[in-house]
Amino acid sequence: MRHSKLIQANKTLFAASTLAAALLLAGYGHSAFAAAEAAASNGSTGLGIPDAQYSLDKLIEAAKKEDPITVVDATGKIKAMAQKFSEKYGIKATGEKMSASNQEEILVREAQARNVRHDVFNMSNLPDVTAQFLPQGIAVSWMPPDLKEETPAEYQHPAITSLNAWVWVYNPKVFGDTCPVNNMWALTDQKWKGKISIPDPLLRNETMFWFNQIADNADTKMKEAYEAYFGKPLEAKESTATAEWVKRFAANKVKVQKSDTDVGPIVGASTSDHPVIGFVSAAIFSHAKHENFPLAVCKEMTPWIGQLTPRVAIIAAGTKSPNASKLFVHYMMSAEGMLPQMEDGKVSTNRNAKMPESEASGVDKLTDQMFVNNSDTTPDDFKKLQYWRDLWTVGSR
């Protein structure tokens, strides 16, 4: 059963990669790639009105002459965003919730068929975007010129709309205000064997990318955390402290679930006799509030209480509505547009955006304790994806 699940996961997650490579070999995207290179020299995408002639009013005017658009995200809040966009601009947009792996497959298949039906994607797999979809001309990224002052430079190329907070959690009804675990290496300890629940990393590339980000950018912190917990320097058999942690963590009988919507209630139902530490997105705190189960962030966890996963806006290169698509990207990058997702704990990259007081997790006050991706090393995340998948698979047997 487990073997079949792993095979299916591999098929699903690598389908888009295989198709993307096939498109490049077949020559699709050559003209789009050339156009993208030329456009990059003047700060444009090659789609719709050029940046040299840009103003928001001109973009709105051009967008109103185009066909309706379909916009995609992994959260159902994209439907509310599309509706509010349509009401604001009088331009029809339909929001569609779709998993990260399905987004990639749809993007590539529609490019292959030269029949784009999904125009804008807010994707969570940044390395796939930068390593495949942008250089192959399947999609483009556009940063609204008038929002550059409101958006930190590191979130402009490509255009990163928000950061999705993922955190270690526990049951406060059992343990009170203090998480029973304060170090990530404790999760490799025999004491917590079989008592950890997370979304299956083989179904979530973002987890694998996080492992590589830590190894490339903060491996020293993992070594220091090991010594702080065990009281002696790490003697690793793997090439990095992060890889050693992943191997030991996987071997500690971690209970994997289909998604974090499954993890949250498991943590909330845990007891003192059977405690569970989980890993969930901030959105699960809204579920906990509405479904009335206890959940709290492990605020004492070192080196980090979790990660901030970047979400990047891309436009299908073959869209028939380039200006409407760019206008929706503008809307997502604005302080107003991301509000429905901020209610679920997403952190907007727009400096003027304010987290709603109703947001249940409180992650906005904890971001300095989270690991933040380094976009400069994302190509290596994609390159080493299979290494981390293999390490996890072997370690969890």
Protein backbone atom coordinates (compact mmCIF):
# COMPACT_ATOMS: atom_id res chain seq x y z
CA MET A 1 0.00 0.00 0.00
CA ARG A 2 2.77 2.39 1.02
CA HIS A 3 4.81 1.39 -2.04
CA SER A 4 1.86 2.10 -4.35
CA LYS A 5 1.35 5.48 -2.73
CA LEU A 6 4.98 6.44 -3.32
CA ILE A 7 4.80 5.40 -6.97
CA GLN A 8 1.64 7.45 -7.49
CA ALA A 9 3.17 10.46 -5.75
CA ASN A 10 6.19 10.31 -8.02
CA LYS A 11 4.00 10.07 -11.12
CA THR A 12 1.89 13.05 -10.11
CA LEU A 13 4.66 15.36 -9.00
CA PHE A 14 6.99 14.69 -11.92
CA ALA A 15 4.41 14.73 -14.70
CA ALA A 16 4.70 18.48 -15.11
CA SER A 17 8.51 18.36 -15.11
CA THR A 18 8.54 15.71 -17.84
CA LEU A 19 6.06 17.63 -19.95
CA ALA A 20 8.00 20.85 -19.52
CA ALA A 21 11.21 19.19 -20.68
CA ALA A 22 9.39 17.68 -23.65
CA LEU A 23 8.06 21.08 -24.66
CA LEU A 24 11.52 22.57 -24.59
CA LEU A 25 12.97 19.74 -26.68
CA ALA A 26 10.11 20.07 -29.14
CA GLY A 27 10.87 23.74 -29.60
CA TYR A 28 7.75 25.04 -27.91
CA GLY A 29 8.45 28.20 -26.04
CA HIS A 30 11.50 29.08 -28.18
CA SER A 31 9.83 32.20 -29.55
CA ALA A 32 8.29 32.95 -26.17
CA PHE A 33 11.67 32.52 -24.50
CA ALA A 34 13.33 34.82 -27.03
CA ALA A 35 10.60 37.38 -26.48
CA ALA A 36 10.99 37.05 -22.73
CA GLU A 37 14.74 37.66 -23.01
CA ALA A 38 14.16 40.75 -25.13
CA ALA A 39 11.43 41.97 -22.81
CA ALA A 40 13.66 41.50 -19.78
CA SER A 41 16.01 44.14 -21.11
CA ASN A 42 13.30 46.82 -20.79
CA GLY A 43 11.70 45.46 -17.63
CA SER A 44 8.61 44.12 -19.37
CA THR A 45 7.13 40.68 -20.01
CA GLY A 46 6.42 40.98 -23.71
CA LEU A 47 2.73 40.56 -22.88
CA GLY A 48 0.16 43.33 -23.12
CA ILE A 49 1.13 46.98 -22.93
CA PRO A 50 4.90 47.48 -22.44
CA ASP A 51 6.19 48.85 -19.17
CA ALA A 52 7.60 51.90 -20.99
CA GLN A 53 4.01 52.96 -21.73
CA TYR A 54 2.55 51.71 -18.46
CA SER A 55 0.09 53.40 -16.17
CA LEU A 56 -2.56 51.67 -14.11
CA ASP A 57 -5.31 53.54 -15.97
CA LYS A 58 -3.94 52.40 -19.33
CA LEU A 59 -3.72 48.81 -18.09
CA ILE A 60 -7.34 48.90 -16.88
CA GLU A 61 -8.50 50.36 -20.19
CA ALA A 62 -6.70 47.64 -22.19
CA ALA A 63 -7.88 44.89 -19.85
CA LYS A 64 -11.54 45.83 -20.32
CA LYS A 65 -11.25 45.05 -24.02
CA GLU A 66 -10.15 41.45 -23.39
CA ASP A 67 -11.85 38.15 -22.63
CA PRO A 68 -12.60 37.01 -19.04
CA ILE A 69 -9.77 35.31 -17.17
CA THR A 70 -9.38 32.31 -14.89
CA VAL A 71 -7.04 32.65 -11.93
CA VAL A 72 -5.64 29.76 -9.89
CA ASP A 73 -4.30 29.18 -6.39
CA ALA A 74 -4.01 26.32 -3.91
CA THR A 75 -6.39 28.07 -1.52
CA GLY A 76 -10.13 28.49 -1.95
CA LYS A 77 -9.70 32.17 -1.04
CA ILE A 78 -8.77 32.74 -4.68
CA LYS A 79 -12.51 32.62 -5.44
CA ALA A 80 -13.20 35.55 -3.12
CA MET A 81 -10.23 37.44 -4.59
CA ALA A 82 -11.52 36.90 -8.14
CA GLN A 83 -14.98 38.09 -7.15
CA LYS A 84 -13.66 41.24 -5.48
CA PHE A 85 -11.44 41.93 -8.50
CA SER A 86 -14.43 41.61 -10.84
CA GLU A 87 -16.48 43.97 -8.67
CA LYS A 88 -13.65 46.52 -8.51
CA TYR A 89 -12.75 46.64 -12.20
CA GLY A 90 -15.82 45.32 -14.02
CA ILE A 91 -13.65 42.60 -15.58
CA LYS A 92 -14.80 39.00 -15.23
CA ALA A 93 -12.37 36.78 -13.33
CA THR A 94 -13.10 33.25 -12.13
CA GLY A 95 -11.11 31.82 -9.24
CA GLU A 96 -10.23 28.14 -9.17
CA LYS A 97 -8.70 26.21 -6.26
CA MET A 98 -6.08 23.71 -7.44
CA SER A 99 -3.24 21.80 -5.78
CA ALA A 100 0.34 22.80 -6.51
CA SER A 101 1.07 19.66 -8.55
CA ASN A 102 -2.13 20.02 -10.57
CA GLN A 103 -1.35 23.68 -11.25
CA GLU A 104 1.96 22.74 -12.79
CA GLU A 105 0.46 19.97 -14.89
CA ILE A 106 -2.36 22.21 -16.18
CA LEU A 107 0.05 25.04 -17.02
CA VAL A 108 2.29 22.76 -19.05
CA ARG A 109 -0.47 20.75 -20.77
CA GLU A 110 -2.28 23.88 -21.91
CA ALA A 111 0.98 25.28 -23.25
CA GLN A 112 1.57 22.02 -25.10
CA ALA A 113 -1.92 22.15 -26.60
CA ARG A 114 -1.56 25.89 -27.31
CA ASN A 115 -4.94 26.30 -25.70
CA VAL A 116 -4.62 28.37 -22.51
CA ARG A 117 -7.71 28.29 -20.31
CA HIS A 118 -6.04 29.23 -17.03
CA ASP A 119 -4.39 32.62 -17.22
CA VAL A 120 -2.84 33.50 -13.84
CA PHE A 121 -1.32 31.18 -11.23
CA ASN A 122 -0.22 32.01 -7.69
CA MET A 123 2.28 29.15 -7.28
CA SER A 124 4.03 27.88 -4.17
CA ASN A 125 6.79 25.89 -5.90
CA LEU A 126 9.16 28.77 -6.61
CA PRO A 127 12.10 26.56 -7.75
CA ASP A 128 9.91 24.92 -10.41
CA VAL A 129 8.90 28.36 -11.65
CA THR A 130 12.43 29.77 -11.85
CA ALA A 131 14.08 26.59 -13.15
CA GLN A 132 11.44 25.52 -15.68
CA PHE A 133 8.43 27.62 -16.47
CA LEU A 134 10.05 31.04 -16.86
CA PRO A 135 13.22 30.07 -18.78
CA GLN A 136 11.27 27.73 -21.06
CA GLY A 137 8.82 30.46 -21.99
CA ILE A 138 5.79 28.57 -20.69
CA ALA A 139 4.97 31.41 -18.31
CA VAL A 140 6.11 34.93 -17.50
CA SER A 141 6.42 36.92 -14.28
CA TRP A 142 5.49 40.58 -14.19
CA MET A 143 6.17 43.10 -11.43
CA PRO A 144 3.80 46.12 -11.52
CA PRO A 145 6.02 49.21 -11.91
CA ASP A 146 3.85 51.35 -9.64
CA LEU A 147 4.10 48.85 -6.77
CA LYS A 148 7.89 48.56 -6.67
CA GLU A 149 8.16 51.15 -3.90
CA GLU A 150 5.73 49.11 -1.81
CA THR A 151 7.46 45.76 -2.38
CA PRO A 152 10.94 44.79 -1.10
CA ALA A 153 13.39 44.20 -3.97
CA GLU A 154 13.89 40.54 -3.06
CA TYR A 155 10.21 39.89 -3.84
CA GLN A 156 10.11 41.58 -7.26
CA HIS A 157 11.93 39.21 -9.64
CA PRO A 158 9.97 37.02 -9.89
CA ALA A 159 6.90 38.73 -8.43
CA ILE A 160 6.26 37.10 -5.06
CA THR A 161 2.78 37.94 -3.80
CA SER A 162 2.94 36.52 -0.31
CA LEU A 163 4.68 34.23 2.15
CA ASN A 164 2.78 31.22 3.46
CA ALA A 165 3.63 30.51 7.09
CA TRP A 166 4.12 26.86 8.14
CA VAL A 167 4.73 26.21 11.83
CA TRP A 168 5.33 23.44 14.37
CA VAL A 169 2.25 23.06 16.58
CA TYR A 170 1.05 21.28 19.72
CA ASN A 171 -2.07 20.86 21.87
CA PRO A 172 -2.19 23.71 24.44
CA LYS A 173 -5.08 22.05 26.26
CA VAL A 174 -2.61 19.34 27.28
CA PHE A 175 0.63 21.32 27.63
CA GLY A 176 -0.55 24.84 28.43
CA ASP A 177 1.40 27.85 27.15
CA THR A 178 4.68 26.00 26.55
CA CYS A 179 5.32 23.57 23.71
CA PRO A 180 6.85 20.29 24.97
CA VAL A 181 9.44 20.47 22.19
CA ASN A 182 11.88 23.39 21.86
CA ASN A 183 14.43 22.07 19.37
CA MET A 184 13.96 20.49 15.92
CA TRP A 185 16.48 17.78 16.86
CA ALA A 186 14.11 16.65 19.63
CA LEU A 187 11.88 15.43 16.81
CA THR A 188 14.56 12.84 16.01
CA ASP A 189 14.65 11.63 19.64
CA GLN A 190 13.25 8.24 20.65
CA LYS A 191 10.93 10.09 23.05
CA TRP A 192 8.93 11.44 20.09
CA LYS A 193 9.05 8.35 17.91
CA GLY A 194 5.69 7.88 16.20
CA LYS A 195 4.33 11.06 17.81
CA ILE A 196 4.83 13.53 14.99
CA SER A 197 2.29 14.25 12.25
CA ILE A 198 3.04 16.19 9.05
CA PRO A 199 1.77 16.42 5.47
CA ASP A 200 3.54 13.78 3.37
CA PRO A 201 6.74 15.43 2.03
CA LEU A 202 6.49 13.23 -1.07
CA LEU A 203 3.23 15.02 -1.88
CA ARG A 204 4.58 18.48 -1.05
CA ASN A 205 7.69 19.64 -2.88
CA GLU A 206 7.83 22.79 -0.74
CA THR A 207 9.01 20.63 2.18
CA MET A 208 11.86 19.18 0.12
CA PHE A 209 12.79 22.65 -1.12
CA TRP A 210 12.88 23.82 2.51
CA PHE A 211 15.33 21.06 3.42
CA ASN A 212 17.63 22.17 0.63
CA GLN A 213 17.26 25.84 1.54
CA ILE A 214 18.39 25.08 5.08
CA ALA A 215 21.32 22.94 3.88
CA ASP A 216 22.49 25.66 1.48
CA ASN A 217 21.93 28.71 3.65
CA ALA A 218 21.78 27.80 7.34
CA ASP A 219 23.40 24.42 7.94
CA THR A 220 25.53 25.90 10.71
CA LYS A 221 22.39 26.68 12.69
CA MET A 222 21.36 23.04 12.46
CA LYS A 223 24.76 22.00 13.81
CA GLU A 224 24.45 24.48 16.67
CA ALA A 225 20.93 23.27 17.47
CA TYR A 226 22.18 19.67 17.61
CA GLU A 227 24.90 20.56 20.11
CA ALA A 228 22.43 22.61 22.18
CA TYR A 229 20.06 19.64 22.42
CA PHE A 230 22.45 16.69 22.76
CA GLY A 231 25.30 18.49 24.51
CA LYS A 232 27.97 17.40 22.06
CA PRO A 233 29.08 18.22 18.49
CA LEU A 234 27.30 16.48 15.64
CA GLU A 235 29.04 13.53 14.03
CA ALA A 236 27.13 13.26 10.77
CA LYS A 237 27.22 10.44 8.28
CA GLU A 238 25.47 12.61 5.72
CA SER A 239 27.12 15.53 3.89
CA THR A 240 25.25 18.21 5.85
CA ALA A 241 23.70 18.56 9.29
CA THR A 242 20.36 19.18 7.59
CA ALA A 243 20.56 15.91 5.67
CA GLU A 244 21.44 14.10 8.89
CA TRP A 245 18.39 15.66 10.56
CA VAL A 246 16.11 14.69 7.66
CA LYS A 247 17.36 11.09 7.72
CA ARG A 248 16.88 10.75 11.48
CA PHE A 249 13.56 12.59 11.43
CA ALA A 250 12.18 10.35 8.69
CA ALA A 251 13.35 7.28 10.60
CA ASN A 252 11.48 8.37 13.75
CA LYS A 253 8.20 6.85 12.48
CA VAL A 254 6.69 10.19 11.46
CA LYS A 255 2.97 9.84 10.72
CA VAL A 256 2.38 11.38 7.30
CA GLN A 257 -1.02 12.69 6.19
CA LYS A 258 -2.44 13.77 2.86
CA SER A 259 -2.49 17.44 3.91
CA ASP A 260 -2.27 19.74 6.89
CA THR A 261 -6.07 19.85 7.11
CA ASP A 262 -5.69 16.28 8.39
CA VAL A 263 -2.77 17.11 10.70
CA GLY A 264 -4.50 19.90 12.65
CA PRO A 265 -7.34 17.82 14.13
CA ILE A 266 -4.91 15.00 14.97
CA VAL A 267 -2.82 17.39 17.07
CA GLY A 268 -5.95 18.89 18.58
CA ALA A 269 -7.21 15.45 19.65
CA SER A 270 -3.89 14.34 21.17
CA THR A 271 -3.58 13.63 24.89
CA SER A 272 -0.91 13.61 27.58
CA ASP A 273 -0.61 9.83 27.17
CA HIS A 274 -0.44 10.12 23.38
CA PRO A 275 0.94 13.59 22.55
CA VAL A 276 1.45 14.71 18.95
CA ILE A 277 3.58 17.48 17.46
CA GLY A 278 2.41 18.66 14.04
CA PHE A 279 3.49 20.81 11.11
CA VAL A 280 0.74 22.92 9.53
CA SER A 281 0.10 26.11 7.59
CA ALA A 282 -1.26 29.11 9.46
CA ALA A 283 -4.60 28.60 7.70
CA ILE A 284 -5.28 25.56 9.91
CA PHE A 285 -5.72 27.89 12.88
CA SER A 286 -8.88 29.20 11.20
CA HIS A 287 -10.07 25.59 10.93
CA ALA A 288 -9.27 25.09 14.61
CA LYS A 289 -11.26 28.18 15.53
CA HIS A 290 -14.30 27.15 13.51
CA GLU A 291 -14.16 23.44 14.38
CA ASN A 292 -13.26 24.08 18.01
CA PHE A 293 -10.07 22.07 18.47
CA PRO A 294 -7.03 23.36 20.43
CA LEU A 295 -3.87 24.33 18.54
CA ALA A 296 -0.84 26.49 19.39
CA VAL A 297 2.50 27.41 17.79
CA CYS A 298 5.69 25.94 19.26
CA LYS A 299 7.11 29.41 19.88
CA GLU A 300 10.18 28.07 21.68
CA MET A 301 11.32 25.84 18.78
CA THR A 302 14.89 26.34 17.54
CA PRO A 303 16.48 27.00 15.12
CA TRP A 304 13.07 28.02 13.68
CA ILE A 305 9.43 27.69 14.59
CA GLY A 306 8.68 27.04 10.93
CA GLN A 307 9.13 28.41 7.44
CA LEU A 308 7.79 31.16 5.20
CA THR A 309 7.05 29.64 1.80
CA PRO A 310 7.05 32.13 -1.10
CA ARG A 311 4.10 32.22 -3.48
CA VAL A 312 4.87 33.60 -6.92
CA ALA A 313 2.49 35.11 -9.48
CA ILE A 314 2.96 33.92 -13.04
CA ILE A 315 0.98 34.45 -16.24
CA ALA A 316 0.57 31.74 -18.88
CA ALA A 317 2.60 32.90 -21.87
CA GLY A 318 -0.20 31.94 -24.25
CA THR A 319 -2.97 33.86 -22.49
CA LYS A 320 -5.49 35.57 -24.74
CA SER A 321 -6.00 38.27 -22.10
CA PRO A 322 -2.52 39.54 -21.24
CA ASN A 323 -3.59 42.92 -19.86
CA ALA A 324 -6.40 41.50 -17.74
CA SER A 325 -3.93 38.92 -16.43
CA LYS A 326 -1.41 41.63 -15.56
CA LEU A 327 -4.13 43.63 -13.84
CA PHE A 328 -4.95 40.64 -11.66
CA VAL A 329 -1.27 40.28 -10.75
CA HIS A 330 -1.32 43.96 -9.84
CA TYR A 331 -4.35 43.30 -7.65
CA MET A 332 -2.64 40.38 -5.89
CA MET A 333 0.49 42.45 -5.27
CA SER A 334 -1.50 45.31 -3.76
CA ALA A 335 -2.31 45.72 -0.06
CA GLU A 336 -6.00 45.29 -0.88
CA GLY A 337 -5.90 42.24 -3.12
CA MET A 338 -4.26 39.76 -0.77
CA LEU A 339 -6.55 40.54 2.16
CA PRO A 340 -8.74 37.37 1.88
CA GLN A 341 -5.62 35.21 2.13
CA MET A 342 -4.14 37.28 4.94
CA GLU A 343 -7.17 36.32 7.00
CA ASP A 344 -5.73 32.78 6.81
CA GLY A 345 -2.24 33.83 7.87
CA LYS A 346 -0.59 34.51 4.50
CA VAL A 347 1.90 37.37 4.83
CA SER A 348 1.61 39.88 1.98
CA THR A 349 4.87 41.14 0.48
CA ASN A 350 3.31 44.60 0.12
CA ARG A 351 4.70 46.87 2.86
CA ASN A 352 1.36 48.65 3.22
CA ALA A 353 -0.66 45.48 3.88
CA LYS A 354 -1.86 45.02 7.44
CA MET A 355 -2.67 41.62 8.91
CA PRO A 356 -6.36 41.48 9.94
CA GLU A 357 -6.94 41.35 13.69
CA SER A 358 -9.21 38.36 13.10
CA GLU A 359 -6.26 36.22 11.87
CA ALA A 360 -6.19 33.26 14.26
CA SER A 361 -2.55 32.08 14.40
CA GLY A 362 -0.70 35.28 15.28
CA VAL A 363 2.10 34.42 12.84
CA ASP A 364 2.50 38.05 11.81
CA LYS A 365 4.24 38.65 15.14
CA LEU A 366 6.45 35.57 14.78
CA THR A 367 7.93 35.94 11.30
CA ASP A 368 11.40 36.80 12.65
CA GLN A 369 11.52 33.29 14.16
CA MET A 370 10.81 31.56 10.84
CA PHE A 371 13.11 30.39 8.10
CA VAL A 372 12.85 32.68 5.05
CA ASN A 373 13.80 31.31 1.64
CA ASN A 374 16.77 32.76 -0.22
CA SER A 375 15.59 33.22 -3.82
CA ASP A 376 19.20 33.29 -5.06
CA THR A 377 19.62 29.59 -4.26
CA THR A 378 16.27 28.32 -5.60
CA PRO A 379 17.85 26.80 -8.75
CA ASP A 380 19.73 24.42 -6.46
CA ASP A 381 16.46 23.48 -4.72
CA PHE A 382 15.09 22.21 -8.02
CA LYS A 383 18.36 20.52 -8.96
CA LYS A 384 18.52 18.55 -5.70
CA LEU A 385 14.84 17.72 -5.35
CA GLN A 386 15.34 14.04 -6.12
CA TYR A 387 18.19 13.79 -3.61
CA TRP A 388 15.89 14.89 -0.78
CA ARG A 389 13.03 12.71 -1.97
CA ASP A 390 15.33 9.68 -1.98
CA LEU A 391 16.75 10.54 1.44
CA TRP A 392 13.26 10.81 2.90
CA THR A 393 12.01 7.63 1.21
CA VAL A 394 14.94 5.52 2.37
CA GLY A 395 14.93 7.02 5.87
CA SER A 396 11.21 6.44 6.44
CA ARG A 397 11.22 2.73 5.51
